[in-house]
Full PDB file with SEQRES, HELIX, SHEET, SSBOND, CRYST1, ORIGX, SCALE, CONECT and MASTER records, all heavy atoms in Angstrom:
SEQRES   1 A   41  ARG ARG ASP GLU ILE GLU ILE PHE THR LYS VAL TYR TRP          
SEQRES   2 A   41  PRO THR GLY ALA GLY ARG ASN ASN ARG GLY LEU ASN ARG          
SEQRES   3 A   41  LYS HIS ILE LEU ARG SER ALA ASP ASN SER LEU ARG ARG          
SEQRES   4 A   41  LEU GLY                                                      
HELIX    1 AA1 ARG A    2  GLU A    4  5                                   3    
HELIX    2 AA2 ARG A   26  LEU A   40  1                                  15    
CRYST1    1.000    1.000    1.000  90.00  90.00  90.00 P 1           1          
ORIGX1      1.000000  0.000000  0.000000        0.00000                         
ORIGX2      0.000000  1.000000  0.000000        0.00000                         
ORIGX3      0.000000  0.000000  1.000000        0.00000                         
SCALE1      1.000000  0.000000  0.000000        0.00000                         
SCALE2      0.000000  1.000000  0.000000        0.00000                         
SCALE3      0.000000  0.000000  1.000000        0.00000                         
ATOM      1  N   ARG A   1     -18.014 -10.533 -12.254  1.00  0.00           N  
ATOM      2  CA  ARG A   1     -16.550 -10.452 -12.496  1.00  0.00           C  
ATOM      3  C   ARG A   1     -16.223  -8.975 -12.447  1.00  0.00           C  
ATOM      4  O   ARG A   1     -16.687  -8.214 -13.308  1.00  0.00           O  
ATOM      5  CB  ARG A   1     -16.155 -11.045 -13.847  1.00  0.00           C  
ATOM      6  CG  ARG A   1     -16.211 -12.578 -13.791  1.00  0.00           C  
ATOM      7  CD  ARG A   1     -15.848 -13.120 -15.163  1.00  0.00           C  
ATOM      8  NE  ARG A   1     -14.476 -12.645 -15.641  1.00  0.00           N  
ATOM      9  CZ  ARG A   1     -13.406 -13.292 -15.329  1.00  0.00           C  
ATOM     10  NH1 ARG A   1     -13.404 -14.471 -14.690  1.00  0.00           N  
ATOM     11  NH2 ARG A   1     -12.212 -12.859 -15.764  1.00  0.00           N  
ATOM     12  N   ARG A   2     -15.378  -8.556 -11.526  1.00  0.00           N  
ATOM     13  CA  ARG A   2     -15.060  -7.130 -11.352  1.00  0.00           C  
ATOM     14  C   ARG A   2     -14.412  -6.519 -12.577  1.00  0.00           C  
ATOM     15  O   ARG A   2     -14.629  -5.269 -12.815  1.00  0.00           O  
ATOM     16  CB  ARG A   2     -14.166  -6.985 -10.093  1.00  0.00           C  
ATOM     17  CG  ARG A   2     -13.877  -5.540  -9.791  1.00  0.00           C  
ATOM     18  CD  ARG A   2     -15.077  -4.761  -9.294  1.00  0.00           C  
ATOM     19  NE  ARG A   2     -14.784  -3.360  -9.092  1.00  0.00           N  
ATOM     20  CZ  ARG A   2     -14.846  -2.442 -10.006  1.00  0.00           C  
ATOM     21  NH1 ARG A   2     -15.074  -2.706 -11.311  1.00  0.00           N  
ATOM     22  NH2 ARG A   2     -14.512  -1.161  -9.673  1.00  0.00           N  
ATOM     23  N   ASP A   3     -13.595  -7.279 -13.286  1.00  0.00           N  
ATOM     24  CA  ASP A   3     -12.961  -6.686 -14.425  1.00  0.00           C  
ATOM     25  C   ASP A   3     -13.908  -6.526 -15.699  1.00  0.00           C  
ATOM     26  O   ASP A   3     -13.460  -5.954 -16.710  1.00  0.00           O  
ATOM     27  CB  ASP A   3     -11.727  -7.496 -14.829  1.00  0.00           C  
ATOM     28  CG  ASP A   3     -12.079  -8.940 -15.194  1.00  0.00           C  
ATOM     29  OD1 ASP A   3     -13.226  -9.363 -14.911  1.00  0.00           O  
ATOM     30  OD2 ASP A   3     -11.149  -9.692 -15.664  1.00  0.00           O  
ATOM     31  N   GLU A   4     -15.193  -6.964 -15.492  1.00  0.00           N  
ATOM     32  CA  GLU A   4     -16.065  -6.834 -16.637  1.00  0.00           C  
ATOM     33  C   GLU A   4     -17.167  -5.701 -16.441  1.00  0.00           C  
ATOM     34  O   GLU A   4     -17.977  -5.520 -17.237  1.00  0.00           O  
ATOM     35  CB  GLU A   4     -16.776  -8.130 -16.849  1.00  0.00           C  
ATOM     36  CG  GLU A   4     -15.733  -9.229 -17.342  1.00  0.00           C  
ATOM     37  CD  GLU A   4     -16.449 -10.531 -17.660  1.00  0.00           C  
ATOM     38  OE1 GLU A   4     -17.692 -10.671 -17.449  1.00  0.00           O  
ATOM     39  OE2 GLU A   4     -15.779 -11.460 -18.227  1.00  0.00           O  
ATOM     40  N   ILE A   5     -17.025  -5.023 -15.269  1.00  0.00           N  
ATOM     41  CA  ILE A   5     -17.935  -3.906 -14.966  1.00  0.00           C  
ATOM     42  C   ILE A   5     -17.192  -2.701 -14.580  1.00  0.00           C  
ATOM     43  O   ILE A   5     -16.008  -2.788 -14.264  1.00  0.00           O  
ATOM     44  CB  ILE A   5     -18.948  -4.275 -13.856  1.00  0.00           C  
ATOM     45  CG1 ILE A   5     -18.265  -4.652 -12.599  1.00  0.00           C  
ATOM     46  CG2 ILE A   5     -19.913  -5.377 -14.340  1.00  0.00           C  
ATOM     47  CD1 ILE A   5     -19.105  -4.922 -11.427  1.00  0.00           C  
ATOM     48  N   GLU A   6     -17.791  -1.513 -14.760  1.00  0.00           N  
ATOM     49  CA  GLU A   6     -17.193  -0.211 -14.367  1.00  0.00           C  
ATOM     50  C   GLU A   6     -18.086   0.447 -13.306  1.00  0.00           C  
ATOM     51  O   GLU A   6     -19.281   0.648 -13.500  1.00  0.00           O  
ATOM     52  CB  GLU A   6     -17.005   0.705 -15.570  1.00  0.00           C  
ATOM     53  CG  GLU A   6     -16.311   0.162 -16.725  1.00  0.00           C  
ATOM     54  CD  GLU A   6     -17.165  -0.688 -17.595  1.00  0.00           C  
ATOM     55  OE1 GLU A   6     -18.283  -0.277 -17.982  1.00  0.00           O  
ATOM     56  OE2 GLU A   6     -16.717  -1.829 -17.987  1.00  0.00           O  
ATOM     57  N   ILE A   7     -17.465   0.729 -12.179  1.00  0.00           N  
ATOM     58  CA  ILE A   7     -18.262   1.356 -11.044  1.00  0.00           C  
ATOM     59  C   ILE A   7     -17.749   2.779 -10.888  1.00  0.00           C  
ATOM     60  O   ILE A   7     -16.601   3.047 -10.747  1.00  0.00           O  
ATOM     61  CB  ILE A   7     -18.040   0.545  -9.757  1.00  0.00           C  
ATOM     62  CG1 ILE A   7     -18.565  -0.826  -9.954  1.00  0.00           C  
ATOM     63  CG2 ILE A   7     -18.771   1.282  -8.640  1.00  0.00           C  
ATOM     64  CD1 ILE A   7     -18.343  -1.732  -8.699  1.00  0.00           C  
ATOM     65  N   PHE A   8     -18.752   3.742 -10.977  1.00  0.00           N  
ATOM     66  CA  PHE A   8     -18.389   5.128 -10.827  1.00  0.00           C  
ATOM     67  C   PHE A   8     -19.067   5.608  -9.449  1.00  0.00           C  
ATOM     68  O   PHE A   8     -20.208   5.200  -9.138  1.00  0.00           O  
ATOM     69  CB  PHE A   8     -19.038   5.998 -11.960  1.00  0.00           C  
ATOM     70  CG  PHE A   8     -18.586   5.703 -13.262  1.00  0.00           C  
ATOM     71  CD1 PHE A   8     -19.169   6.384 -14.375  1.00  0.00           C  
ATOM     72  CD2 PHE A   8     -17.493   4.838 -13.581  1.00  0.00           C  
ATOM     73  CE1 PHE A   8     -18.715   6.181 -15.715  1.00  0.00           C  
ATOM     74  CE2 PHE A   8     -17.103   4.629 -14.875  1.00  0.00           C  
ATOM     75  CZ  PHE A   8     -17.643   5.307 -15.925  1.00  0.00           C  
ATOM     76  N   THR A   9     -18.360   6.388  -8.709  1.00  0.00           N  
ATOM     77  CA  THR A   9     -19.013   7.064  -7.564  1.00  0.00           C  
ATOM     78  C   THR A   9     -18.494   8.472  -7.407  1.00  0.00           C  
ATOM     79  O   THR A   9     -17.584   8.890  -8.199  1.00  0.00           O  
ATOM     80  CB  THR A   9     -18.859   6.208  -6.242  1.00  0.00           C  
ATOM     81  OG1 THR A   9     -19.683   6.702  -5.308  1.00  0.00           O  
ATOM     82  CG2 THR A   9     -17.461   6.220  -5.734  1.00  0.00           C  
ATOM     83  N   LYS A  10     -18.971   9.214  -6.418  1.00  0.00           N  
ATOM     84  CA  LYS A  10     -18.652  10.628  -6.280  1.00  0.00           C  
ATOM     85  C   LYS A  10     -18.414  11.042  -4.855  1.00  0.00           C  
ATOM     86  O   LYS A  10     -18.834  10.347  -3.912  1.00  0.00           O  
ATOM     87  CB  LYS A  10     -19.798  11.400  -6.887  1.00  0.00           C  
ATOM     88  CG  LYS A  10     -20.310  11.014  -8.266  1.00  0.00           C  
ATOM     89  CD  LYS A  10     -21.449  11.873  -8.699  1.00  0.00           C  
ATOM     90  CE  LYS A  10     -22.232  11.193  -9.745  1.00  0.00           C  
ATOM     91  NZ  LYS A  10     -23.028  10.073  -9.360  1.00  0.00           N  
ATOM     92  N   VAL A  11     -17.789  12.191  -4.671  1.00  0.00           N  
ATOM     93  CA  VAL A  11     -17.537  12.737  -3.399  1.00  0.00           C  
ATOM     94  C   VAL A  11     -17.731  14.266  -3.419  1.00  0.00           C  
ATOM     95  O   VAL A  11     -17.457  14.883  -4.465  1.00  0.00           O  
ATOM     96  CB  VAL A  11     -16.099  12.469  -2.872  1.00  0.00           C  
ATOM     97  CG1 VAL A  11     -15.077  13.007  -3.914  1.00  0.00           C  
ATOM     98  CG2 VAL A  11     -15.800  13.105  -1.540  1.00  0.00           C  
ATOM     99  N   TYR A  12     -18.344  14.825  -2.399  1.00  0.00           N  
ATOM    100  CA  TYR A  12     -18.513  16.302  -2.169  1.00  0.00           C  
ATOM    101  C   TYR A  12     -19.593  16.599  -1.133  1.00  0.00           C  
ATOM    102  O   TYR A  12     -19.304  17.279  -0.169  1.00  0.00           O  
ATOM    103  CB  TYR A  12     -18.922  17.028  -3.478  1.00  0.00           C  
ATOM    104  CG  TYR A  12     -19.278  18.417  -3.300  1.00  0.00           C  
ATOM    105  CD1 TYR A  12     -18.356  19.434  -3.146  1.00  0.00           C  
ATOM    106  CD2 TYR A  12     -20.653  18.794  -3.120  1.00  0.00           C  
ATOM    107  CE1 TYR A  12     -18.720  20.802  -2.976  1.00  0.00           C  
ATOM    108  CE2 TYR A  12     -21.025  20.125  -2.919  1.00  0.00           C  
ATOM    109  CZ  TYR A  12     -20.035  21.115  -2.788  1.00  0.00           C  
ATOM    110  OH  TYR A  12     -20.421  22.399  -2.626  1.00  0.00           O  
ATOM    111  N   TRP A  13     -20.769  16.042  -1.275  1.00  0.00           N  
ATOM    112  CA  TRP A  13     -21.869  16.430  -0.442  1.00  0.00           C  
ATOM    113  C   TRP A  13     -21.596  15.913   1.004  1.00  0.00           C  
ATOM    114  O   TRP A  13     -20.864  14.891   1.178  1.00  0.00           O  
ATOM    115  CB  TRP A  13     -23.221  15.848  -0.922  1.00  0.00           C  
ATOM    116  CG  TRP A  13     -23.552  16.533  -2.235  1.00  0.00           C  
ATOM    117  CD1 TRP A  13     -23.586  15.981  -3.557  1.00  0.00           C  
ATOM    118  CD2 TRP A  13     -24.047  17.894  -2.449  1.00  0.00           C  
ATOM    119  NE1 TRP A  13     -23.949  16.871  -4.448  1.00  0.00           N  
ATOM    120  CE2 TRP A  13     -24.261  18.042  -3.858  1.00  0.00           C  
ATOM    121  CE3 TRP A  13     -24.334  18.925  -1.539  1.00  0.00           C  
ATOM    122  CZ2 TRP A  13     -24.749  19.241  -4.327  1.00  0.00           C  
ATOM    123  CZ3 TRP A  13     -24.770  20.126  -2.052  1.00  0.00           C  
ATOM    124  CH2 TRP A  13     -24.932  20.285  -3.475  1.00  0.00           C  
ATOM    125  N   PRO A  14     -22.262  16.405   1.998  1.00  0.00           N  
ATOM    126  CA  PRO A  14     -22.027  15.996   3.410  1.00  0.00           C  
ATOM    127  C   PRO A  14     -22.249  14.429   3.542  1.00  0.00           C  
ATOM    128  O   PRO A  14     -23.261  13.916   3.150  1.00  0.00           O  
ATOM    129  CB  PRO A  14     -22.978  16.861   4.194  1.00  0.00           C  
ATOM    130  CG  PRO A  14     -23.159  18.073   3.355  1.00  0.00           C  
ATOM    131  CD  PRO A  14     -23.162  17.567   1.968  1.00  0.00           C  
ATOM    132  N   THR A  15     -21.345  13.834   4.325  1.00  0.00           N  
ATOM    133  CA  THR A  15     -21.510  12.452   4.734  1.00  0.00           C  
ATOM    134  C   THR A  15     -21.484  12.318   6.218  1.00  0.00           C  
ATOM    135  O   THR A  15     -21.388  11.214   6.773  1.00  0.00           O  
ATOM    136  CB  THR A  15     -20.371  11.574   4.098  1.00  0.00           C  
ATOM    137  OG1 THR A  15     -19.176  12.129   4.408  1.00  0.00           O  
ATOM    138  CG2 THR A  15     -20.568  11.497   2.535  1.00  0.00           C  
ATOM    139  N   GLY A  16     -21.580  13.472   6.983  1.00  0.00           N  
ATOM    140  CA  GLY A  16     -21.586  13.437   8.428  1.00  0.00           C  
ATOM    141  C   GLY A  16     -21.730  14.824   8.934  1.00  0.00           C  
ATOM    142  O   GLY A  16     -21.813  15.806   8.103  1.00  0.00           O  
ATOM    143  N   ALA A  17     -21.794  14.940  10.219  1.00  0.00           N  
ATOM    144  CA  ALA A  17     -22.076  16.305  10.822  1.00  0.00           C  
ATOM    145  C   ALA A  17     -20.821  17.145  10.953  1.00  0.00           C  
ATOM    146  O   ALA A  17     -20.904  18.412  11.114  1.00  0.00           O  
ATOM    147  CB  ALA A  17     -22.746  16.115  12.209  1.00  0.00           C  
ATOM    148  N   GLY A  18     -19.657  16.627  10.898  1.00  0.00           N  
ATOM    149  CA  GLY A  18     -18.430  17.357  11.064  1.00  0.00           C  
ATOM    150  C   GLY A  18     -18.164  18.365  10.012  1.00  0.00           C  
ATOM    151  O   GLY A  18     -18.654  18.234   8.823  1.00  0.00           O  
ATOM    152  N   ARG A  19     -17.363  19.411  10.358  1.00  0.00           N  
ATOM    153  CA  ARG A  19     -17.033  20.434   9.366  1.00  0.00           C  
ATOM    154  C   ARG A  19     -16.269  19.993   8.180  1.00  0.00           C  
ATOM    155  O   ARG A  19     -16.318  20.588   7.131  1.00  0.00           O  
ATOM    156  CB  ARG A  19     -16.292  21.566  10.090  1.00  0.00           C  
ATOM    157  CG  ARG A  19     -17.082  22.389  11.088  1.00  0.00           C  
ATOM    158  CD  ARG A  19     -16.385  23.525  11.650  1.00  0.00           C  
ATOM    159  NE  ARG A  19     -15.219  23.024  12.526  1.00  0.00           N  
ATOM    160  CZ  ARG A  19     -15.340  22.712  13.811  1.00  0.00           C  
ATOM    161  NH1 ARG A  19     -16.532  22.873  14.366  1.00  0.00           N  
ATOM    162  NH2 ARG A  19     -14.383  22.314  14.522  1.00  0.00           N  
ATOM    163  N   ASN A  20     -15.496  18.897   8.383  1.00  0.00           N  
ATOM    164  CA  ASN A  20     -14.711  18.305   7.337  1.00  0.00           C  
ATOM    165  C   ASN A  20     -15.277  17.155   6.668  1.00  0.00           C  
ATOM    166  O   ASN A  20     -14.648  16.467   5.802  1.00  0.00           O  
ATOM    167  CB  ASN A  20     -13.264  17.984   7.877  1.00  0.00           C  
ATOM    168  CG  ASN A  20     -12.454  19.253   8.195  1.00  0.00           C  
ATOM    169  OD1 ASN A  20     -12.406  20.192   7.464  1.00  0.00           O  
ATOM    170  ND2 ASN A  20     -11.932  19.260   9.420  1.00  0.00           N  
ATOM    171  N   ASN A  21     -16.547  16.798   6.953  1.00  0.00           N  
ATOM    172  CA  ASN A  21     -17.270  15.709   6.303  1.00  0.00           C  
ATOM    173  C   ASN A  21     -17.992  16.140   5.090  1.00  0.00           C  
ATOM    174  O   ASN A  21     -19.067  15.690   4.785  1.00  0.00           O  
ATOM    175  CB  ASN A  21     -18.193  15.071   7.323  1.00  0.00           C  
ATOM    176  CG  ASN A  21     -17.491  14.330   8.432  1.00  0.00           C  
ATOM    177  OD1 ASN A  21     -17.813  14.582   9.597  1.00  0.00           O  
ATOM    178  ND2 ASN A  21     -16.550  13.403   8.145  1.00  0.00           N  
ATOM    179  N   ARG A  22     -17.392  16.982   4.343  1.00  0.00           N  
ATOM    180  CA  ARG A  22     -18.047  17.606   3.200  1.00  0.00           C  
ATOM    181  C   ARG A  22     -17.059  18.289   2.279  1.00  0.00           C  
ATOM    182  O   ARG A  22     -15.885  18.574   2.734  1.00  0.00           O  
ATOM    183  CB  ARG A  22     -19.159  18.645   3.619  1.00  0.00           C  
ATOM    184  CG  ARG A  22     -18.562  19.670   4.491  1.00  0.00           C  
ATOM    185  CD  ARG A  22     -19.657  20.404   5.325  1.00  0.00           C  
ATOM    186  NE  ARG A  22     -20.096  19.447   6.320  1.00  0.00           N  
ATOM    187  CZ  ARG A  22     -21.379  19.284   6.695  1.00  0.00           C  
ATOM    188  NH1 ARG A  22     -22.344  20.020   6.171  1.00  0.00           N  
ATOM    189  NH2 ARG A  22     -21.682  18.362   7.704  1.00  0.00           N  
ATOM    190  N   GLY A  23     -17.429  18.609   1.104  1.00  0.00           N  
ATOM    191  CA  GLY A  23     -16.555  19.360   0.195  1.00  0.00           C  
ATOM    192  C   GLY A  23     -15.463  18.526  -0.389  1.00  0.00           C  
ATOM    193  O   GLY A  23     -15.515  17.321  -0.347  1.00  0.00           O  
ATOM    194  N   LEU A  24     -14.402  19.221  -0.939  1.00  0.00           N  
ATOM    195  CA  LEU A  24     -13.346  18.506  -1.601  1.00  0.00           C  
ATOM    196  C   LEU A  24     -12.014  18.702  -0.931  1.00  0.00           C  
ATOM    197  O   LEU A  24     -10.894  18.762  -1.568  1.00  0.00           O  
ATOM    198  CB  LEU A  24     -13.310  18.907  -3.084  1.00  0.00           C  
ATOM    199  CG  LEU A  24     -14.513  18.678  -3.924  1.00  0.00           C  
ATOM    200  CD1 LEU A  24     -14.364  19.181  -5.354  1.00  0.00           C  
ATOM    201  CD2 LEU A  24     -14.832  17.150  -3.947  1.00  0.00           C  
ATOM    202  N   ASN A  25     -11.980  18.907   0.396  1.00  0.00           N  
ATOM    203  CA  ASN A  25     -10.707  18.979   1.132  1.00  0.00           C  
ATOM    204  C   ASN A  25     -10.128  17.604   1.187  1.00  0.00           C  
ATOM    205  O   ASN A  25     -10.782  16.542   1.064  1.00  0.00           O  
ATOM    206  CB  ASN A  25     -10.956  19.479   2.581  1.00  0.00           C  
ATOM    207  CG  ASN A  25     -11.911  18.633   3.391  1.00  0.00           C  
ATOM    208  OD1 ASN A  25     -11.450  17.617   4.003  1.00  0.00           O  
ATOM    209  ND2 ASN A  25     -13.158  18.862   3.442  1.00  0.00           N  
ATOM    210  N   ARG A  26      -8.843  17.518   1.383  1.00  0.00           N  
ATOM    211  CA  ARG A  26      -8.057  16.268   1.342  1.00  0.00           C  
ATOM    212  C   ARG A  26      -8.670  15.273   2.339  1.00  0.00           C  
ATOM    213  O   ARG A  26      -8.774  14.065   2.068  1.00  0.00           O  
ATOM    214  CB  ARG A  26      -6.595  16.512   1.616  1.00  0.00           C  
ATOM    215  CG  ARG A  26      -5.696  15.303   1.642  1.00  0.00           C  
ATOM    216  CD  ARG A  26      -4.269  15.697   1.873  1.00  0.00           C  
ATOM    217  NE  ARG A  26      -3.369  14.471   1.746  1.00  0.00           N  
ATOM    218  CZ  ARG A  26      -2.952  13.938   0.600  1.00  0.00           C  
ATOM    219  NH1 ARG A  26      -3.264  14.601  -0.504  1.00  0.00           N  
ATOM    220  NH2 ARG A  26      -2.159  12.893   0.558  1.00  0.00           N  
ATOM    221  N   LYS A  27      -8.908  15.701   3.567  1.00  0.00           N  
ATOM    222  CA  LYS A  27      -9.437  14.822   4.673  1.00  0.00           C  
ATOM    223  C   LYS A  27     -10.682  14.106   4.146  1.00  0.00           C  
ATOM    224  O   LYS A  27     -10.848  12.883   4.330  1.00  0.00           O  
ATOM    225  CB  LYS A  27      -9.584  15.580   5.995  1.00  0.00           C  
ATOM    226  CG  LYS A  27     -10.151  14.697   7.134  1.00  0.00           C  
ATOM    227  CD  LYS A  27     -10.408  15.606   8.333  1.00  0.00           C  
ATOM    228  CE  LYS A  27     -10.857  14.800   9.554  1.00  0.00           C  
ATOM    229  NZ  LYS A  27      -9.860  13.887  10.058  1.00  0.00           N  
ATOM    230  N   HIS A  28     -11.667  14.882   3.603  1.00  0.00           N  
ATOM    231  CA  HIS A  28     -12.902  14.365   3.200  1.00  0.00           C  
ATOM    232  C   HIS A  28     -12.787  13.368   2.018  1.00  0.00           C  
ATOM    233  O   HIS A  28     -13.341  12.232   2.037  1.00  0.00           O  
ATOM    234  CB  HIS A  28     -13.883  15.401   2.864  1.00  0.00           C  
ATOM    235  CG  HIS A  28     -15.294  14.951   2.574  1.00  0.00           C  
ATOM    236  ND1 HIS A  28     -15.999  14.061   3.365  1.00  0.00           N  
ATOM    237  CD2 HIS A  28     -16.080  15.234   1.508  1.00  0.00           C  
ATOM    238  CE1 HIS A  28     -17.130  13.816   2.828  1.00  0.00           C  
ATOM    239  NE2 HIS A  28     -17.255  14.508   1.700  1.00  0.00           N  
ATOM    240  N   ILE A  29     -11.943  13.774   1.086  1.00  0.00           N  
ATOM    241  CA  ILE A  29     -11.790  12.923  -0.118  1.00  0.00           C  
ATOM    242  C   ILE A  29     -11.202  11.559   0.215  1.00  0.00           C  
ATOM    243  O   ILE A  29     -11.749  10.503  -0.189  1.00  0.00           O  
ATOM    244  CB  ILE A  29     -10.889  13.656  -1.147  1.00  0.00           C  
ATOM    245  CG1 ILE A  29     -11.643  14.806  -1.822  1.00  0.00           C  
ATOM    246  CG2 ILE A  29     -10.484  12.695  -2.244  1.00  0.00           C  
ATOM    247  CD1 ILE A  29     -10.779  15.677  -2.736  1.00  0.00           C  
ATOM    248  N   LEU A  30     -10.088  11.568   0.963  1.00  0.00           N  
ATOM    249  CA  LEU A  30      -9.459  10.263   1.274  1.00  0.00           C  
ATOM    250  C   LEU A  30     -10.273   9.369   2.177  1.00  0.00           C  
ATOM    251  O   LEU A  30     -10.395   8.203   1.930  1.00  0.00           O  
ATOM    252  CB  LEU A  30      -8.059  10.529   1.910  1.00  0.00           C  
ATOM    253  CG  LEU A  30      -7.089  11.353   1.036  1.00  0.00           C  
ATOM    254  CD1 LEU A  30      -5.714  11.470   1.778  1.00  0.00           C  
ATOM    255  CD2 LEU A  30      -6.842  10.662  -0.289  1.00  0.00           C  
ATOM    256  N   ARG A  31     -10.946  10.015   3.138  1.00  0.00           N  
ATOM    257  CA  ARG A  31     -11.779   9.257   4.002  1.00  0.00           C  
ATOM    258  C   ARG A  31     -13.032   8.700   3.294  1.00  0.00           C  
ATOM    259  O   ARG A  31     -13.396   7.558   3.405  1.00  0.00           O  
ATOM    260  CB  ARG A  31     -12.281  10.106   5.256  1.00  0.00           C  
ATOM    261  CG  ARG A  31     -13.162   9.394   6.293  1.00  0.00           C  
ATOM    262  CD  ARG A  31     -12.389   8.279   6.845  1.00  0.00           C  
ATOM    263  NE  ARG A  31     -13.211   7.678   7.932  1.00  0.00           N  
ATOM    264  CZ  ARG A  31     -13.071   6.372   8.400  1.00  0.00           C  
ATOM    265  NH1 ARG A  31     -12.009   5.578   7.899  1.00  0.00           N  
ATOM    266  NH2 ARG A  31     -13.826   5.916   9.341  1.00  0.00           N  
ATOM    267  N   SER A  32     -13.607   9.496   2.449  1.00  0.00           N  
ATOM    268  CA  SER A  32     -14.809   9.122   1.708  1.00  0.00           C  
ATOM    269  C   SER A  32     -14.521   8.033   0.698  1.00  0.00           C  
ATOM    270  O   SER A  32     -15.276   7.150   0.484  1.00  0.00           O  
ATOM    271  CB  SER A  32     -15.382  10.348   0.942  1.00  0.00           C  
ATOM    272  OG  SER A  32     -15.981  11.236   1.900  1.00  0.00           O  
ATOM    273  N   ALA A  33     -13.285   8.103   0.039  1.00  0.00           N  
ATOM    274  CA  ALA A  33     -12.945   7.022  -0.905  1.00  0.00           C  
ATOM    275  C   ALA A  33     -12.864   5.716  -0.149  1.00  0.00           C  
ATOM    276  O   ALA A  33     -13.338   4.657  -0.705  1.00  0.00           O  
ATOM    277  CB  ALA A  33     -11.542   7.375  -1.552  1.00  0.00           C  
ATOM    278  N   ASP A  34     -12.244   5.649   0.969  1.00  0.00           N  
ATOM    279  CA  ASP A  34     -12.184   4.351   1.799  1.00  0.00           C  
ATOM    280  C   ASP A  34     -13.557   3.867   2.085  1.00  0.00           C  
ATOM    281  O   ASP A  34     -13.744   2.646   2.040  1.00  0.00           O  
ATOM    282  CB  ASP A  34     -11.281   4.578   2.946  1.00  0.00           C  
ATOM    283  CG  ASP A  34      -9.784   4.695   2.698  1.00  0.00           C  
ATOM    284  OD1 ASP A  34      -9.415   4.222   1.535  1.00  0.00           O  
ATOM    285  OD2 ASP A  34      -9.038   5.075   3.530  1.00  0.00           O  
ATOM    286  N   ASN A  35     -14.399   4.791   2.538  1.00  0.00           N  
ATOM    287  CA  ASN A  35     -15.798   4.470   2.919  1.00  0.00           C  
ATOM    288  C   ASN A  35     -16.506   3.863   1.682  1.00  0.00           C  
ATOM    289  O   ASN A  35     -17.321   2.911   1.793  1.00  0.00           O  
ATOM    290  CB  ASN A  35     -16.513   5.575   3.574  1.00  0.00           C  
ATOM    291  CG  ASN A  35     -15.949   5.899   5.014  1.00  0.00           C  
ATOM    292  OD1 ASN A  35     -15.502   4.972   5.616  1.00  0.00           O  
ATOM    293  ND2 ASN A  35     -16.124   7.051   5.419  1.00  0.00           N  
ATOM    294  N   SER A  36     -16.373   4.508   0.506  1.00  0.00           N  
ATOM    295  CA  SER A  36     -17.051   4.028  -0.681  1.00  0.00           C  
ATOM    296  C   SER A  36     -16.544   2.705  -1.076  1.00  0.00           C  
ATOM    297  O   SER A  36     -17.386   1.818  -1.490  1.00  0.00           O  
ATOM    298  CB  SER A  36     -16.875   5.082  -1.815  1.00  0.00           C  
ATOM    299  OG  SER A  36     -17.612   6.271  -1.623  1.00  0.00           O  
ATOM    300  N   LEU A  37     -15.249   2.468  -1.029  1.00  0.00           N  
ATOM    301  CA  LEU A  37     -14.748   1.171  -1.318  1.00  0.00           C  
ATOM    302  C   LEU A  37     -15.293   0.037  -0.390  1.00  0.00           C  
ATOM    303  O   LEU A  37     -15.694  -1.015  -0.873  1.00  0.00           O  
ATOM    304  CB  LEU A  37     -13.228   1.120  -1.192  1.00  0.00           C  
ATOM    305  CG  LEU A  37     -12.476   1.936  -2.252  1.00  0.00           C  
ATOM    306  CD1 LEU A  37     -11.030   2.165  -1.853  1.00  0.00           C  
ATOM    307  CD2 LEU A  37     -12.594   1.289  -3.577  1.00  0.00           C  
ATOM    308  N   ARG A  38     -15.460   0.379   0.866  1.00  0.00           N  
ATOM    309  CA  ARG A  38     -16.024  -0.519   1.769  1.00  0.00           C  
ATOM    310  C   ARG A  38     -17.481  -0.833   1.492  1.00  0.00           C  
ATOM    311  O   ARG A  38     -17.928  -1.990   1.476  1.00  0.00           O  
ATOM    312  CB  ARG A  38     -15.935  -0.011   3.196  1.00  0.00           C  
ATOM    313  CG  ARG A  38     -16.607  -0.846   4.347  1.00  0.00           C  
ATOM    314  CD  ARG A  38     -16.377  -0.236   5.702  1.00  0.00           C  
ATOM    315  NE  ARG A  38     -16.694   1.144   5.803  1.00  0.00           N  
ATOM    316  CZ  ARG A  38     -17.980   1.620   5.841  1.00  0.00           C  
ATOM    317  NH1 ARG A  38     -19.026   0.762   5.861  1.00  0.00           N  
ATOM    318  NH2 ARG A  38     -18.253   2.912   5.940  1.00  0.00           N  
ATOM    319  N   ARG A  39     -18.264   0.202   1.282  1.00  0.00           N  
ATOM    320  CA  ARG A  39     -19.706   0.028   0.936  1.00  0.00           C  
ATOM    321  C   ARG A  39     -19.949  -0.683  -0.346  1.00  0.00           C  
ATOM    322  O   ARG A  39     -20.906  -1.479  -0.445  1.00  0.00           O  
ATOM    323  CB  ARG A  39     -20.408   1.425   1.022  1.00  0.00           C  
ATOM    324  CG  ARG A  39     -20.561   2.068   2.362  1.00  0.00           C  
ATOM    325  CD  ARG A  39     -21.503   3.166   2.351  1.00  0.00           C  
ATOM    326  NE  ARG A  39     -20.917   4.300   1.633  1.00  0.00           N  
ATOM    327  CZ  ARG A  39     -20.356   5.379   2.172  1.00  0.00           C  
ATOM    328  NH1 ARG A  39     -20.195   5.461   3.543  1.00  0.00           N  
ATOM    329  NH2 ARG A  39     -19.824   6.299   1.496  1.00  0.00           N  
ATOM    330  N   LEU A  40     -19.098  -0.410  -1.277  1.00  0.00           N  
ATOM    331  CA  LEU A  40     -19.249  -1.038  -2.598  1.00  0.00           C  
ATOM    332  C   LEU A  40     -18.681  -2.465  -2.635  1.00  0.00           C  
ATOM    333  O   LEU A  40     -18.980  -3.190  -3.594  1.00  0.00           O  
ATOM    334  CB  LEU A  40     -18.623  -0.205  -3.699  1.00  0.00           C  
ATOM    335  CG  LEU A  40     -19.329   1.122  -4.085  1.00  0.00           C  
ATOM    336  CD1 LEU A  40     -18.379   1.994  -4.808  1.00  0.00           C  
ATOM    337  CD2 LEU A  40     -20.604   0.808  -4.855  1.00  0.00           C  
ATOM    338  N   GLY A  41     -17.911  -2.829  -1.649  1.00  0.00           N  
ATOM    339  CA  GLY A  41     -17.311  -4.182  -1.563  1.00  0.00           C  
ATOM    340  C   GLY A  41     -16.361  -4.400  -2.684  1.00  0.00           C  
ATOM    341  O   GLY A  41     -16.181  -5.493  -3.227  1.00  0.00           O  
TER     342      GLY A  41                                                      
MASTER        0    0    0    2    0    0    0    6  341    1    0    4          
END                                                                             
């Protein structure tokens, strides 16, 4: 039950070869959040 667990994840380290696939720039944060949601289901 999703409302009975807490899931923590993080963003910063490289997730691809591109110059913006790392760090805490807006592009990386928003894209990474969507990818984490997809992977975590």
